[in-house]
Amino acid sequence: MSAAEIIFGIILLLFSIAITIIVLLQEGHQQDLGAITGGADTFLSKNKARSVDAFLARWTKVIAIGFFILVIAINVYMYFAPKK
């Protein structure tokens, strides 16, 4: 195993762990459908959740795109790497 293969493997592992954690941190879209909400929801509390969800959604897309680009780069490297 070459050093490039090890480095690609470690980076791919980090991307896969990161995307798993970020997806698990996101709340479901149907979370409050059946709940009867009472009390005072302030403007700040509603927008705080939206900004966190927007942040997680944006980073999910970024990491997923990076993951797929990395997988393609690894396959291209392995295809054109000198055979032993």
PDB file of N, CA and C in Angstrom:
ATOM      1  N   MET A   1       0.839  -1.173   0.000  1.00  0.00           N
ATOM      2  CA  MET A   1       0.000   0.000   0.000  1.00  0.00           C
ATOM      3  C   MET A   1       0.889   1.244   0.000  1.00  0.00           C
ATOM      4  N   SER A   2       0.591   2.153  -0.907  1.00  0.00           N
ATOM      5  CA  SER A   2       1.414   3.353  -0.994  1.00  0.00           C
ATOM      6  C   SER A   2       0.925   4.415  -0.014  1.00  0.00           C
ATOM      7  N   ALA A   3       1.739   5.436   0.152  1.00  0.00           N
ATOM      8  CA  ALA A   3       1.391   6.522   1.072  1.00  0.00           C
ATOM      9  C   ALA A   3       0.151   7.274   0.581  1.00  0.00           C
ATOM     10  N   ALA A   4       0.010   7.437  -0.732  1.00  0.00           N
ATOM     11  CA  ALA A   4      -1.151   8.136  -1.285  1.00  0.00           C
ATOM     12  C   ALA A   4      -2.438   7.375  -0.997  1.00  0.00           C
ATOM     13  N   GLU A   5      -2.391   6.058  -1.088  1.00  0.00           N
ATOM     14  CA  GLU A   5      -3.568   5.252  -0.792  1.00  0.00           C
ATOM     15  C   GLU A   5      -3.964   5.372   0.674  1.00  0.00           C
ATOM     16  N   ILE A   6      -2.995   5.400   1.555  1.00  0.00           N
ATOM     17  CA  ILE A   6      -3.274   5.544   2.984  1.00  0.00           C
ATOM     18  C   ILE A   6      -3.871   6.916   3.278  1.00  0.00           C
ATOM     19  N   ILE A   7      -3.297   7.950   2.679  1.00  0.00           N
ATOM     20  CA  ILE A   7      -3.807   9.313   2.888  1.00  0.00           C
ATOM     21  C   ILE A   7      -5.222   9.440   2.349  1.00  0.00           C
ATOM     22  N   PHE A   8      -5.468   8.938   1.132  1.00  0.00           N
ATOM     23  CA  PHE A   8      -6.826   8.969   0.574  1.00  0.00           C
ATOM     24  C   PHE A   8      -7.803   8.202   1.471  1.00  0.00           C
ATOM     25  N   GLY A   9      -7.377   7.072   1.989  1.00  0.00           N
ATOM     26  CA  GLY A   9      -8.237   6.276   2.865  1.00  0.00           C
ATOM     27  C   GLY A   9      -8.585   7.007   4.154  1.00  0.00           C
ATOM     28  N   ILE A  10      -7.617   7.668   4.749  1.00  0.00           N
ATOM     29  CA  ILE A  10      -7.861   8.415   5.980  1.00  0.00           C
ATOM     30  C   ILE A  10      -8.801   9.584   5.722  1.00  0.00           C
ATOM     31  N   ILE A  11      -8.577  10.312   4.631  1.00  0.00           N
ATOM     32  CA  ILE A  11      -9.456  11.447   4.303  1.00  0.00           C
ATOM     33  C   ILE A  11     -10.868  10.956   4.016  1.00  0.00           C
ATOM     34  N   LEU A  12     -10.998   9.856   3.304  1.00  0.00           N
ATOM     35  CA  LEU A  12     -12.320   9.296   3.015  1.00  0.00           C
ATOM     36  C   LEU A  12     -13.025   8.856   4.294  1.00  0.00           C
ATOM     37  N   LEU A  13     -12.289   8.279   5.219  1.00  0.00           N
ATOM     38  CA  LEU A  13     -12.854   7.889   6.505  1.00  0.00           C
ATOM     39  C   LEU A  13     -13.334   9.109   7.289  1.00  0.00           C
ATOM     40  N   LEU A  14     -12.552  10.190   7.286  1.00  0.00           N
ATOM     41  CA  LEU A  14     -12.954  11.414   7.978  1.00  0.00           C
ATOM     42  C   LEU A  14     -14.205  12.025   7.361  1.00  0.00           C
ATOM     43  N   PHE A  15     -14.284  12.030   6.021  1.00  0.00           N
ATOM     44  CA  PHE A  15     -15.476  12.546   5.348  1.00  0.00           C
ATOM     45  C   PHE A  15     -16.702  11.709   5.713  1.00  0.00           C
ATOM     46  N   SER A  16     -16.553  10.393   5.750  1.00  0.00           N
ATOM     47  CA  SER A  16     -17.701   9.536   6.045  1.00  0.00           C
ATOM     48  C   SER A  16     -18.154   9.699   7.494  1.00  0.00           C
ATOM     49  N   ILE A  17     -17.235   9.861   8.413  1.00  0.00           N
ATOM     50  CA  ILE A  17     -17.604  10.102   9.809  1.00  0.00           C
ATOM     51  C   ILE A  17     -18.293  11.452   9.945  1.00  0.00           C
ATOM     52  N   ALA A  18     -17.750  12.473   9.276  1.00  0.00           N
ATOM     53  CA  ALA A  18     -18.330  13.819   9.358  1.00  0.00           C
ATOM     54  C   ALA A  18     -19.744  13.857   8.799  1.00  0.00           C
ATOM     55  N   ILE A  19     -19.971  13.232   7.656  1.00  0.00           N
ATOM     56  CA  ILE A  19     -21.315  13.270   7.073  1.00  0.00           C
ATOM     57  C   ILE A  19     -22.291  12.473   7.935  1.00  0.00           C
ATOM     58  N   THR A  20     -21.855  11.396   8.554  1.00  0.00           N
ATOM     59  CA  THR A  20     -22.726  10.631   9.439  1.00  0.00           C
ATOM     60  C   THR A  20     -23.127  11.458  10.651  1.00  0.00           C
ATOM     61  N   ILE A  21     -22.173  12.131  11.263  1.00  0.00           N
ATOM     62  CA  ILE A  21     -22.457  12.944  12.445  1.00  0.00           C
ATOM     63  C   ILE A  21     -23.382  14.102  12.099  1.00  0.00           C
ATOM     64  N   ILE A  22     -23.129  14.786  11.000  1.00  0.00           N
ATOM     65  CA  ILE A  22     -23.954  15.939  10.633  1.00  0.00           C
ATOM     66  C   ILE A  22     -25.379  15.514  10.293  1.00  0.00           C
ATOM     67  N   VAL A  23     -25.545  14.390   9.631  1.00  0.00           N
ATOM     68  CA  VAL A  23     -26.896  13.917   9.314  1.00  0.00           C
ATOM     69  C   VAL A  23     -27.632  13.525  10.594  1.00  0.00           C
ATOM     70  N   LEU A  24     -26.947  12.908  11.532  1.00  0.00           N
ATOM     71  CA  LEU A  24     -27.593  12.521  12.786  1.00  0.00           C
ATOM     72  C   LEU A  24     -27.950  13.729  13.647  1.00  0.00           C
ATOM     73  N   LEU A  25     -27.218  14.825  13.523  1.00  0.00           N
ATOM     74  CA  LEU A  25     -27.516  16.029  14.294  1.00  0.00           C
ATOM     75  C   LEU A  25     -28.741  16.779  13.780  1.00  0.00           C
ATOM     76  N   GLN A  26     -29.115  16.542  12.547  1.00  0.00           N
ATOM     77  CA  GLN A  26     -30.250  17.266  11.975  1.00  0.00           C
ATOM     78  C   GLN A  26     -31.560  16.742  12.541  1.00  0.00           C
ATOM     79  N   GLU A  27     -32.506  17.673  12.676  1.00  0.00           N
ATOM     80  CA  GLU A  27     -33.828  17.291  13.133  1.00  0.00           C
ATOM     81  C   GLU A  27     -34.657  16.878  11.932  1.00  0.00           C
ATOM     82  N   GLY A  28     -35.630  16.010  12.176  1.00  0.00           N
ATOM     83  CA  GLY A  28     -36.505  15.578  11.103  1.00  0.00           C
ATOM     84  C   GLY A  28     -37.421  16.697  10.654  1.00  0.00           C
ATOM     85  N   HIS A  29     -37.830  16.665   9.393  1.00  0.00           N
ATOM     86  CA  HIS A  29     -38.732  17.690   8.868  1.00  0.00           C
ATOM     87  C   HIS A  29     -40.139  17.534   9.429  1.00  0.00           C
ATOM     88  N   GLN A  30     -40.494  16.349   9.871  1.00  0.00           N
ATOM     89  CA  GLN A  30     -41.841  16.087  10.364  1.00  0.00           C
ATOM     90  C   GLN A  30     -41.867  15.991  11.884  1.00  0.00           C
ATOM     91  N   GLN A  31     -40.928  16.617  12.540  1.00  0.00           N
ATOM     92  CA  GLN A  31     -40.783  16.475  13.974  1.00  0.00           C
ATOM     93  C   GLN A  31     -41.990  16.997  14.750  1.00  0.00           C
ATOM     94  N   ASP A  32     -42.542  18.154  14.390  1.00  0.00           N
ATOM     95  CA  ASP A  32     -43.606  18.772  15.164  1.00  0.00           C
ATOM     96  C   ASP A  32     -44.968  18.698  14.488  1.00  0.00           C
ATOM     97  N   LEU A  33     -45.190  17.750  13.622  1.00  0.00           N
ATOM     98  CA  LEU A  33     -46.467  17.698  12.921  1.00  0.00           C
ATOM     99  C   LEU A  33     -47.631  17.386  13.843  1.00  0.00           C
ATOM    100  N   GLY A  34     -47.470  16.458  14.752  1.00  0.00           N
ATOM    101  CA  GLY A  34     -48.577  16.058  15.600  1.00  0.00           C
ATOM    102  C   GLY A  34     -48.604  16.758  16.941  1.00  0.00           C
ATOM    103  N   ALA A  35     -47.630  17.572  17.220  1.00  0.00           N
ATOM    104  CA  ALA A  35     -47.549  18.206  18.529  1.00  0.00           C
ATOM    105  C   ALA A  35     -48.457  19.423  18.601  1.00  0.00           C
ATOM    106  N   ILE A  36     -49.094  19.544  19.720  1.00  0.00           N
ATOM    107  CA  ILE A  36     -49.891  20.742  19.980  1.00  0.00           C
ATOM    108  C   ILE A  36     -49.000  21.671  20.780  1.00  0.00           C
ATOM    109  N   THR A  37     -48.630  22.765  20.173  1.00  0.00           N
ATOM    110  CA  THR A  37     -47.696  23.663  20.829  1.00  0.00           C
ATOM    111  C   THR A  37     -48.455  24.678  21.653  1.00  0.00           C
ATOM    112  N   GLY A  38     -48.026  24.841  22.853  1.00  0.00           N
ATOM    113  CA  GLY A  38     -48.607  25.841  23.728  1.00  0.00           C
ATOM    114  C   GLY A  38     -47.496  26.711  24.264  1.00  0.00           C
ATOM    115  N   GLY A  39     -47.849  27.834  24.796  1.00  0.00           N
ATOM    116  CA  GLY A  39     -46.826  28.700  25.344  1.00  0.00           C
ATOM    117  C   GLY A  39     -46.367  29.710  24.325  1.00  0.00           C
ATOM    118  N   ALA A  40     -45.403  30.479  24.738  1.00  0.00           N
ATOM    119  CA  ALA A  40     -44.927  31.569  23.888  1.00  0.00           C
ATOM    120  C   ALA A  40     -43.654  31.160  23.181  1.00  0.00           C
ATOM    121  N   ASP A  41     -43.733  31.040  21.873  1.00  0.00           N
ATOM    122  CA  ASP A  41     -42.536  30.840  21.071  1.00  0.00           C
ATOM    123  C   ASP A  41     -42.080  32.206  20.598  1.00  0.00           C
ATOM    124  N   THR A  42     -40.904  32.555  20.975  1.00  0.00           N
ATOM    125  CA  THR A  42     -40.408  33.870  20.595  1.00  0.00           C
ATOM    126  C   THR A  42     -39.798  33.816  19.207  1.00  0.00           C
ATOM    127  N   PHE A  43     -39.652  34.985  18.617  1.00  0.00           N
ATOM    128  CA  PHE A  43     -39.043  35.098  17.299  1.00  0.00           C
ATOM    129  C   PHE A  43     -37.619  34.570  17.334  1.00  0.00           C
ATOM    130  N   LEU A  44     -36.890  34.871  18.400  1.00  0.00           N
ATOM    131  CA  LEU A  44     -35.495  34.451  18.504  1.00  0.00           C
ATOM    132  C   LEU A  44     -35.379  32.934  18.606  1.00  0.00           C
ATOM    133  N   SER A  45     -36.257  32.299  19.383  1.00  0.00           N
ATOM    134  CA  SER A  45     -36.155  30.850  19.534  1.00  0.00           C
ATOM    135  C   SER A  45     -36.501  30.119  18.245  1.00  0.00           C
ATOM    136  N   LYS A  46     -37.453  30.643  17.478  1.00  0.00           N
ATOM    137  CA  LYS A  46     -37.806  30.010  16.203  1.00  0.00           C
ATOM    138  C   LYS A  46     -36.683  30.149  15.190  1.00  0.00           C
ATOM    139  N   ASN A  47     -36.088  31.302  15.085  1.00  0.00           N
ATOM    140  CA  ASN A  47     -35.039  31.527  14.093  1.00  0.00           C
ATOM    141  C   ASN A  47     -33.714  30.890  14.479  1.00  0.00           C
ATOM    142  N   LYS A  48     -33.480  30.676  15.762  1.00  0.00           N
ATOM    143  CA  LYS A  48     -32.262  29.995  16.172  1.00  0.00           C
ATOM    144  C   LYS A  48     -32.257  28.567  15.644  1.00  0.00           C
ATOM    145  N   ALA A  49     -33.366  27.880  15.762  1.00  0.00           N
ATOM    146  CA  ALA A  49     -33.456  26.507  15.259  1.00  0.00           C
ATOM    147  C   ALA A  49     -33.302  26.474  13.748  1.00  0.00           C
ATOM    148  N   ARG A  50     -33.890  27.446  13.083  1.00  0.00           N
ATOM    149  CA  ARG A  50     -33.779  27.472  11.623  1.00  0.00           C
ATOM    150  C   ARG A  50     -32.344  27.720  11.187  1.00  0.00           C
ATOM    151  N   SER A  51     -31.642  28.572  11.880  1.00  0.00           N
ATOM    152  CA  SER A  51     -30.278  28.861  11.466  1.00  0.00           C
ATOM    153  C   SER A  51     -29.370  27.658  11.698  1.00  0.00           C
ATOM    154  N   VAL A  52     -29.592  26.930  12.790  1.00  0.00           N
ATOM    155  CA  VAL A  52     -28.805  25.719  13.036  1.00  0.00           C
ATOM    156  C   VAL A  52     -29.136  24.657  11.992  1.00  0.00           C
ATOM    157  N   ASP A  53     -30.421  24.494  11.693  1.00  0.00           N
ATOM    158  CA  ASP A  53     -30.812  23.526  10.669  1.00  0.00           C
ATOM    159  C   ASP A  53     -30.262  23.916   9.300  1.00  0.00           C
ATOM    160  N   ALA A  54     -30.293  25.197   8.990  1.00  0.00           N
ATOM    161  CA  ALA A  54     -29.753  25.660   7.706  1.00  0.00           C
ATOM    162  C   ALA A  54     -28.247  25.415   7.643  1.00  0.00           C
ATOM    163  N   PHE A  55     -27.566  25.669   8.751  1.00  0.00           N
ATOM    164  CA  PHE A  55     -26.119  25.433   8.813  1.00  0.00           C
ATOM    165  C   PHE A  55     -25.807  23.957   8.589  1.00  0.00           C
ATOM    166  N   LEU A  56     -26.540  23.076   9.275  1.00  0.00           N
ATOM    167  CA  LEU A  56     -26.297  21.640   9.130  1.00  0.00           C
ATOM    168  C   LEU A  56     -26.649  21.150   7.728  1.00  0.00           C
ATOM    169  N   ALA A  57     -27.726  21.682   7.164  1.00  0.00           N
ATOM    170  CA  ALA A  57     -28.114  21.283   5.810  1.00  0.00           C
ATOM    171  C   ALA A  57     -27.068  21.726   4.790  1.00  0.00           C
ATOM    172  N   ARG A  58     -26.561  22.939   4.968  1.00  0.00           N
ATOM    173  CA  ARG A  58     -25.537  23.444   4.044  1.00  0.00           C
ATOM    174  C   ARG A  58     -24.269  22.597   4.135  1.00  0.00           C
ATOM    175  N   TRP A  59     -23.840  22.263   5.360  1.00  0.00           N
ATOM    176  CA  TRP A  59     -22.621  21.467   5.507  1.00  0.00           C
ATOM    177  C   TRP A  59     -22.824  20.023   5.076  1.00  0.00           C
ATOM    178  N   THR A  60     -24.029  19.517   5.172  1.00  0.00           N
ATOM    179  CA  THR A  60     -24.306  18.178   4.654  1.00  0.00           C
ATOM    180  C   THR A  60     -24.067  18.143   3.153  1.00  0.00           C
ATOM    181  N   LYS A  61     -24.552  19.166   2.460  1.00  0.00           N
ATOM    182  CA  LYS A  61     -24.342  19.231   1.008  1.00  0.00           C
ATOM    183  C   LYS A  61     -22.870  19.363   0.670  1.00  0.00           C
ATOM    184  N   VAL A  62     -22.158  20.226   1.389  1.00  0.00           N
ATOM    185  CA  VAL A  62     -20.731  20.452   1.108  1.00  0.00           C
ATOM    186  C   VAL A  62     -19.930  19.173   1.331  1.00  0.00           C
ATOM    187  N   ILE A  63     -20.167  18.510   2.444  1.00  0.00           N
ATOM    188  CA  ILE A  63     -19.406  17.291   2.751  1.00  0.00           C
ATOM    189  C   ILE A  63     -19.784  16.162   1.809  1.00  0.00           C
ATOM    190  N   ALA A  64     -21.058  16.054   1.435  1.00  0.00           N
ATOM    191  CA  ALA A  64     -21.477  15.001   0.499  1.00  0.00           C
ATOM    192  C   ALA A  64     -20.835  15.205  -0.863  1.00  0.00           C
ATOM    193  N   ILE A  65     -20.799  16.439  -1.341  1.00  0.00           N
ATOM    194  CA  ILE A  65     -20.147  16.724  -2.631  1.00  0.00           C
ATOM    195  C   ILE A  65     -18.654  16.420  -2.543  1.00  0.00           C
ATOM    196  N   GLY A  66     -18.029  16.830  -1.444  1.00  0.00           N
ATOM    197  CA  GLY A  66     -16.605  16.521  -1.248  1.00  0.00           C
ATOM    198  C   GLY A  66     -16.349  15.030  -1.193  1.00  0.00           C
ATOM    199  N   PHE A  67     -17.244  14.294  -0.554  1.00  0.00           N
ATOM    200  CA  PHE A  67     -17.125  12.845  -0.455  1.00  0.00           C
ATOM    201  C   PHE A  67     -17.157  12.201  -1.837  1.00  0.00           C
ATOM    202  N   PHE A  68     -18.131  12.597  -2.653  1.00  0.00           N
ATOM    203  CA  PHE A  68     -18.245  12.006  -3.988  1.00  0.00           C
ATOM    204  C   PHE A  68     -17.058  12.390  -4.876  1.00  0.00           C
ATOM    205  N   ILE A  69     -16.609  13.625  -4.784  1.00  0.00           N
ATOM    206  CA  ILE A  69     -15.438  14.042  -5.565  1.00  0.00           C
ATOM    207  C   ILE A  69     -14.210  13.249  -5.129  1.00  0.00           C
ATOM    208  N   LEU A  70     -14.062  13.039  -3.827  1.00  0.00           N
ATOM    209  CA  LEU A  70     -12.924  12.266  -3.324  1.00  0.00           C
ATOM    210  C   LEU A  70     -12.984  10.812  -3.795  1.00  0.00           C
ATOM    211  N   VAL A  71     -14.159  10.221  -3.799  1.00  0.00           N
ATOM    212  CA  VAL A  71     -14.297   8.832  -4.269  1.00  0.00           C
ATOM    213  C   VAL A  71     -13.928   8.743  -5.748  1.00  0.00           C
ATOM    214  N   ILE A  72     -14.385   9.705  -6.538  1.00  0.00           N
ATOM    215  CA  ILE A  72     -14.035   9.712  -7.962  1.00  0.00           C
ATOM    216  C   ILE A  72     -12.537   9.901  -8.139  1.00  0.00           C
ATOM    217  N   ALA A  73     -11.934  10.808  -7.356  1.00  0.00           N
ATOM    218  CA  ALA A  73     -10.487  11.041  -7.450  1.00  0.00           C
ATOM    219  C   ALA A  73      -9.706   9.786  -7.070  1.00  0.00           C
ATOM    220  N   ILE A  74     -10.151   9.080  -6.057  1.00  0.00           N
ATOM    221  CA  ILE A  74      -9.476   7.840  -5.653  1.00  0.00           C
ATOM    222  C   ILE A  74      -9.562   6.799  -6.763  1.00  0.00           C
ATOM    223  N   ASN A  75     -10.738   6.674  -7.374  1.00  0.00           N
ATOM    224  CA  ASN A  75     -10.884   5.700  -8.465  1.00  0.00           C
ATOM    225  C   ASN A  75     -10.036   6.066  -9.667  1.00  0.00           C
ATOM    226  N   VAL A  76      -9.968   7.343  -9.998  1.00  0.00           N
ATOM    227  CA  VAL A  76      -9.117   7.775 -11.113  1.00  0.00           C
ATOM    228  C   VAL A  76      -7.656   7.508 -10.783  1.00  0.00           C
ATOM    229  N   TYR A  77      -7.252   7.817  -9.556  1.00  0.00           N
ATOM    230  CA  TYR A  77      -5.860   7.564  -9.148  1.00  0.00           C
ATOM    231  C   TYR A  77      -5.537   6.072  -9.213  1.00  0.00           C
ATOM    232  N   MET A  78      -6.432   5.245  -8.707  1.00  0.00           N
ATOM    233  CA  MET A  78      -6.173   3.804  -8.712  1.00  0.00           C
ATOM    234  C   MET A  78      -6.155   3.243 -10.139  1.00  0.00           C
ATOM    235  N   TYR A  79      -6.930   3.814 -11.043  1.00  0.00           N
ATOM    236  CA  TYR A  79      -6.957   3.354 -12.420  1.00  0.00           C
ATOM    237  C   TYR A  79      -5.640   3.689 -13.137  1.00  0.00           C
ATOM    238  N   PHE A  80      -5.145   4.911 -12.897  1.00  0.00           N
ATOM    239  CA  PHE A  80      -3.938   5.356 -13.598  1.00  0.00           C
ATOM    240  C   PHE A  80      -2.658   5.140 -12.819  1.00  0.00           C
ATOM    241  N   ALA A  81      -2.735   4.629 -11.618  1.00  0.00           N
ATOM    242  CA  ALA A  81      -1.532   4.374 -10.820  1.00  0.00           C
ATOM    243  C   ALA A  81      -0.736   3.238 -11.475  1.00  0.00           C
ATOM    244  N   PRO A  82       0.573   3.338 -11.370  1.00  0.00           N
ATOM    245  CA  PRO A  82       1.395   2.260 -11.940  1.00  0.00           C
ATOM    246  C   PRO A  82       1.125   0.942 -11.214  1.00  0.00           C
ATOM    247  N   LYS A  83       0.960  -0.094 -11.984  1.00  0.00           N
ATOM    248  CA  LYS A  83       0.680  -1.424 -11.432  1.00  0.00           C
ATOM    249  C   LYS A  83       1.972  -2.065 -10.967  1.00  0.00           C
ATOM    250  N   LYS A  84       1.886  -2.806  -9.872  1.00  0.00           N
ATOM    251  CA  LYS A  84       3.088  -3.473  -9.334  1.00  0.00           C
ATOM    252  C   LYS A  84       3.148  -4.912  -9.777  1.00  0.00           C
TER     253      LYS A  84
END
